[in-house]
Every structure is written in structure tokens, then in C-alpha cells.
Amino acid sequence: DLLKRKPLLRIDEETGAIYSRLAADLCKQGKSSNYRIMDLWLASQAIQYNLLLLTWNLIDFKDIPGLSVVSP
């Protein structure tokens, strides 16, 4: 029941475009995005929908441009 009340964020063309841009930016910085696939999808949706990303692992997201991150 709890999950049914939560909004569902779909991955669409805009999400994919943001993901691709983030992966390319990391590549230009000499950083691999291969091991960060899920982090980049989460970041892409947060950027797309102008949301804060809540995480315990700030270091995993600190180099992602345009992302607002908070930690508890």
C-alpha cells in the first residue's frame, strides 16, 4: 500500500538525454561511468524533475553537475 501512494518517475527520452550528457561529462573528466550506472540514472531523474537527491554516499554524487544532493 505504501508504494502505491508514492509517485512513479518514468525513465523517458529526456531522462536518457540527461543520463548521456552526465556520462559524457564524466568521460571528459577522465572518470569511468561504467560502475556508476544506477547512480547516474538516479541523478538524471533528480535533475530532470528538479528534486533533491537524498543519500548517505555524498562522494558518489559530488562530481555530477546540476545535481542537488543532501545527506541526513
N, C-alpha and C. Protein backbone atom coordinates (compact mmCIF):
# COMPACT_ATOMS: atom_id res chain seq x y z
N ASP A 1 0.82 -1.20 0.00
CA ASP A 1 0.00 0.00 0.00
C ASP A 1 0.86 1.27 0.00
N LEU A 2 1.94 1.24 0.77
CA LEU A 2 2.80 2.41 0.85
C LEU A 2 3.39 2.75 -0.52
N LEU A 3 3.84 1.76 -1.25
CA LEU A 3 4.41 2.01 -2.58
C LEU A 3 3.39 2.54 -3.56
N LYS A 4 2.15 2.15 -3.43
CA LYS A 4 1.11 2.64 -4.33
C LYS A 4 0.85 4.13 -4.15
N ARG A 5 1.17 4.66 -2.98
CA ARG A 5 0.95 6.09 -2.72
C ARG A 5 2.14 6.95 -3.15
N LYS A 6 3.23 6.34 -3.49
CA LYS A 6 4.43 7.08 -3.90
C LYS A 6 4.39 7.37 -5.40
N PRO A 7 4.89 8.55 -5.78
CA PRO A 7 4.91 8.86 -7.22
C PRO A 7 5.88 7.96 -7.97
N LEU A 8 5.55 7.67 -9.18
CA LEU A 8 6.40 6.85 -10.04
C LEU A 8 7.07 7.77 -11.06
N LEU A 9 8.38 7.78 -11.08
CA LEU A 9 9.12 8.59 -12.03
C LEU A 9 9.55 7.69 -13.18
N ARG A 10 9.04 7.97 -14.33
CA ARG A 10 9.35 7.16 -15.50
C ARG A 10 10.64 7.62 -16.16
N ILE A 11 11.36 6.67 -16.69
CA ILE A 11 12.53 6.98 -17.50
C ILE A 11 12.04 7.19 -18.92
N ASP A 12 12.26 8.41 -19.43
CA ASP A 12 11.80 8.74 -20.77
C ASP A 12 12.97 9.29 -21.59
N GLU A 13 12.68 9.85 -22.74
CA GLU A 13 13.74 10.36 -23.62
C GLU A 13 14.55 11.47 -22.95
N GLU A 14 13.89 12.32 -22.21
CA GLU A 14 14.61 13.40 -21.52
C GLU A 14 15.55 12.83 -20.47
N THR A 15 15.10 11.83 -19.73
CA THR A 15 15.95 11.19 -18.74
C THR A 15 17.18 10.60 -19.42
N GLY A 16 16.96 9.93 -20.55
CA GLY A 16 18.06 9.33 -21.30
C GLY A 16 19.05 10.36 -21.81
N ALA A 17 18.53 11.51 -22.24
CA ALA A 17 19.40 12.58 -22.72
C ALA A 17 20.26 13.13 -21.59
N ILE A 18 19.67 13.31 -20.43
CA ILE A 18 20.42 13.80 -19.27
C ILE A 18 21.46 12.77 -18.87
N TYR A 19 21.07 11.49 -18.82
CA TYR A 19 22.00 10.41 -18.49
C TYR A 19 23.20 10.43 -19.44
N SER A 20 22.93 10.53 -20.73
CA SER A 20 24.00 10.52 -21.72
C SER A 20 24.95 11.70 -21.52
N ARG A 21 24.38 12.88 -21.24
CA ARG A 21 25.20 14.06 -21.01
C ARG A 21 26.08 13.89 -19.77
N LEU A 22 25.50 13.34 -18.69
CA LEU A 22 26.28 13.13 -17.47
C LEU A 22 27.41 12.13 -17.71
N ALA A 23 27.11 11.03 -18.39
CA ALA A 23 28.13 10.03 -18.68
C ALA A 23 29.25 10.63 -19.54
N ALA A 24 28.87 11.44 -20.54
CA ALA A 24 29.87 12.07 -21.40
C ALA A 24 30.73 13.06 -20.61
N ASP A 25 30.10 13.83 -19.71
CA ASP A 25 30.84 14.78 -18.88
C ASP A 25 31.87 14.05 -18.01
N LEU A 26 31.47 12.92 -17.42
CA LEU A 26 32.40 12.15 -16.60
C LEU A 26 33.55 11.61 -17.44
N CYS A 27 33.23 11.16 -18.65
CA CYS A 27 34.25 10.64 -19.55
C CYS A 27 35.25 11.75 -19.91
N LYS A 28 34.76 12.96 -20.16
CA LYS A 28 35.64 14.09 -20.47
C LYS A 28 36.56 14.42 -19.30
N GLN A 29 36.10 14.13 -18.08
CA GLN A 29 36.90 14.37 -16.88
C GLN A 29 37.87 13.22 -16.62
N GLY A 30 37.82 12.21 -17.48
CA GLY A 30 38.69 11.04 -17.31
C GLY A 30 38.18 10.05 -16.29
N LYS A 31 36.89 10.14 -15.97
CA LYS A 31 36.28 9.24 -14.99
C LYS A 31 35.37 8.24 -15.70
N SER A 32 35.42 7.01 -15.28
CA SER A 32 34.57 5.99 -15.88
C SER A 32 33.16 6.07 -15.28
N SER A 33 32.17 5.90 -16.15
CA SER A 33 30.79 5.87 -15.66
C SER A 33 30.26 4.44 -15.62
N ASN A 34 31.07 3.47 -16.02
CA ASN A 34 30.61 2.08 -16.11
C ASN A 34 30.14 1.52 -14.78
N TYR A 35 30.81 1.82 -13.70
CA TYR A 35 30.44 1.27 -12.40
C TYR A 35 29.40 2.13 -11.69
N ARG A 36 29.00 3.23 -12.32
CA ARG A 36 28.07 4.18 -11.69
C ARG A 36 26.74 4.26 -12.41
N ILE A 37 26.39 3.24 -13.12
CA ILE A 37 25.19 3.29 -13.96
C ILE A 37 23.95 3.67 -13.15
N MET A 38 23.69 3.00 -12.07
CA MET A 38 22.48 3.28 -11.28
C MET A 38 22.54 4.67 -10.65
N ASP A 39 23.72 5.08 -10.18
CA ASP A 39 23.86 6.43 -9.63
C ASP A 39 23.51 7.47 -10.68
N LEU A 40 23.96 7.26 -11.91
CA LEU A 40 23.68 8.23 -12.96
C LEU A 40 22.19 8.26 -13.35
N TRP A 41 21.53 7.12 -13.31
CA TRP A 41 20.08 7.12 -13.58
C TRP A 41 19.34 7.89 -12.50
N LEU A 42 19.71 7.65 -11.24
CA LEU A 42 19.07 8.37 -10.14
C LEU A 42 19.33 9.88 -10.25
N ALA A 43 20.57 10.23 -10.54
CA ALA A 43 20.92 11.64 -10.69
C ALA A 43 20.16 12.26 -11.86
N SER A 44 20.04 11.53 -12.95
CA SER A 44 19.33 12.03 -14.13
C SER A 44 17.88 12.37 -13.81
N GLN A 45 17.23 11.49 -13.08
CA GLN A 45 15.84 11.76 -12.71
C GLN A 45 15.73 12.93 -11.74
N ALA A 46 16.65 13.01 -10.79
CA ALA A 46 16.62 14.12 -9.84
C ALA A 46 16.80 15.45 -10.57
N ILE A 47 17.72 15.49 -11.53
CA ILE A 47 17.94 16.70 -12.32
C ILE A 47 16.70 17.01 -13.17
N GLN A 48 16.19 16.00 -13.83
CA GLN A 48 15.03 16.18 -14.72
C GLN A 48 13.83 16.76 -13.98
N TYR A 49 13.55 16.24 -12.81
CA TYR A 49 12.37 16.66 -12.06
C TYR A 49 12.67 17.71 -11.00
N ASN A 50 13.91 18.23 -11.02
CA ASN A 50 14.33 19.27 -10.08
C ASN A 50 14.10 18.84 -8.63
N LEU A 51 14.60 17.64 -8.31
CA LEU A 51 14.46 17.07 -6.97
C LEU A 51 15.80 17.06 -6.25
N LEU A 52 15.74 17.04 -4.94
CA LEU A 52 16.94 16.81 -4.14
C LEU A 52 17.18 15.31 -4.07
N LEU A 53 18.44 14.91 -4.18
CA LEU A 53 18.78 13.50 -4.03
C LEU A 53 19.27 13.28 -2.61
N LEU A 54 18.61 12.43 -1.88
CA LEU A 54 18.98 12.12 -0.51
C LEU A 54 19.85 10.87 -0.52
N THR A 55 21.05 10.96 0.05
CA THR A 55 21.96 9.82 0.05
C THR A 55 22.90 9.88 1.25
N TRP A 56 23.37 8.72 1.65
CA TRP A 56 24.41 8.61 2.66
C TRP A 56 25.78 8.69 2.00
N ASN A 57 25.83 8.50 0.69
CA ASN A 57 27.09 8.43 -0.04
C ASN A 57 27.31 9.69 -0.88
N LEU A 58 27.57 10.79 -0.22
CA LEU A 58 27.77 12.05 -0.93
C LEU A 58 28.89 11.96 -1.96
N ILE A 59 29.92 11.22 -1.64
CA ILE A 59 31.07 11.12 -2.54
C ILE A 59 30.69 10.52 -3.90
N ASP A 60 29.67 9.68 -3.93
CA ASP A 60 29.23 9.06 -5.19
C ASP A 60 28.58 10.06 -6.13
N PHE A 61 28.14 11.18 -5.62
CA PHE A 61 27.38 12.13 -6.43
C PHE A 61 28.01 13.52 -6.50
N LYS A 62 29.12 13.75 -5.81
CA LYS A 62 29.69 15.09 -5.70
C LYS A 62 30.17 15.67 -7.02
N ASP A 63 30.52 14.83 -7.98
CA ASP A 63 31.07 15.33 -9.24
C ASP A 63 30.04 15.39 -10.36
N ILE A 64 28.76 15.30 -10.02
CA ILE A 64 27.70 15.32 -11.03
C ILE A 64 27.15 16.74 -11.12
N PRO A 65 27.39 17.42 -12.25
CA PRO A 65 26.95 18.81 -12.39
C PRO A 65 25.43 18.93 -12.46
N GLY A 66 24.92 19.95 -11.79
CA GLY A 66 23.50 20.24 -11.84
C GLY A 66 22.66 19.45 -10.86
N LEU A 67 23.31 18.63 -10.05
CA LEU A 67 22.59 17.78 -9.09
C LEU A 67 22.62 18.40 -7.71
N SER A 68 21.47 18.48 -7.07
CA SER A 68 21.39 18.94 -5.69
C SER A 68 21.31 17.71 -4.78
N VAL A 69 22.27 17.59 -3.88
CA VAL A 69 22.38 16.41 -3.02
C VAL A 69 22.32 16.83 -1.56
N VAL A 70 21.61 16.05 -0.77
CA VAL A 70 21.56 16.26 0.68
C VAL A 70 21.86 14.94 1.36
N SER A 71 22.39 15.04 2.56
CA SER A 71 22.70 13.85 3.35
C SER A 71 22.08 14.00 4.73
N PRO A 72 21.51 12.93 5.24
CA PRO A 72 20.88 13.03 6.57
C PRO A 72 21.88 13.29 7.67
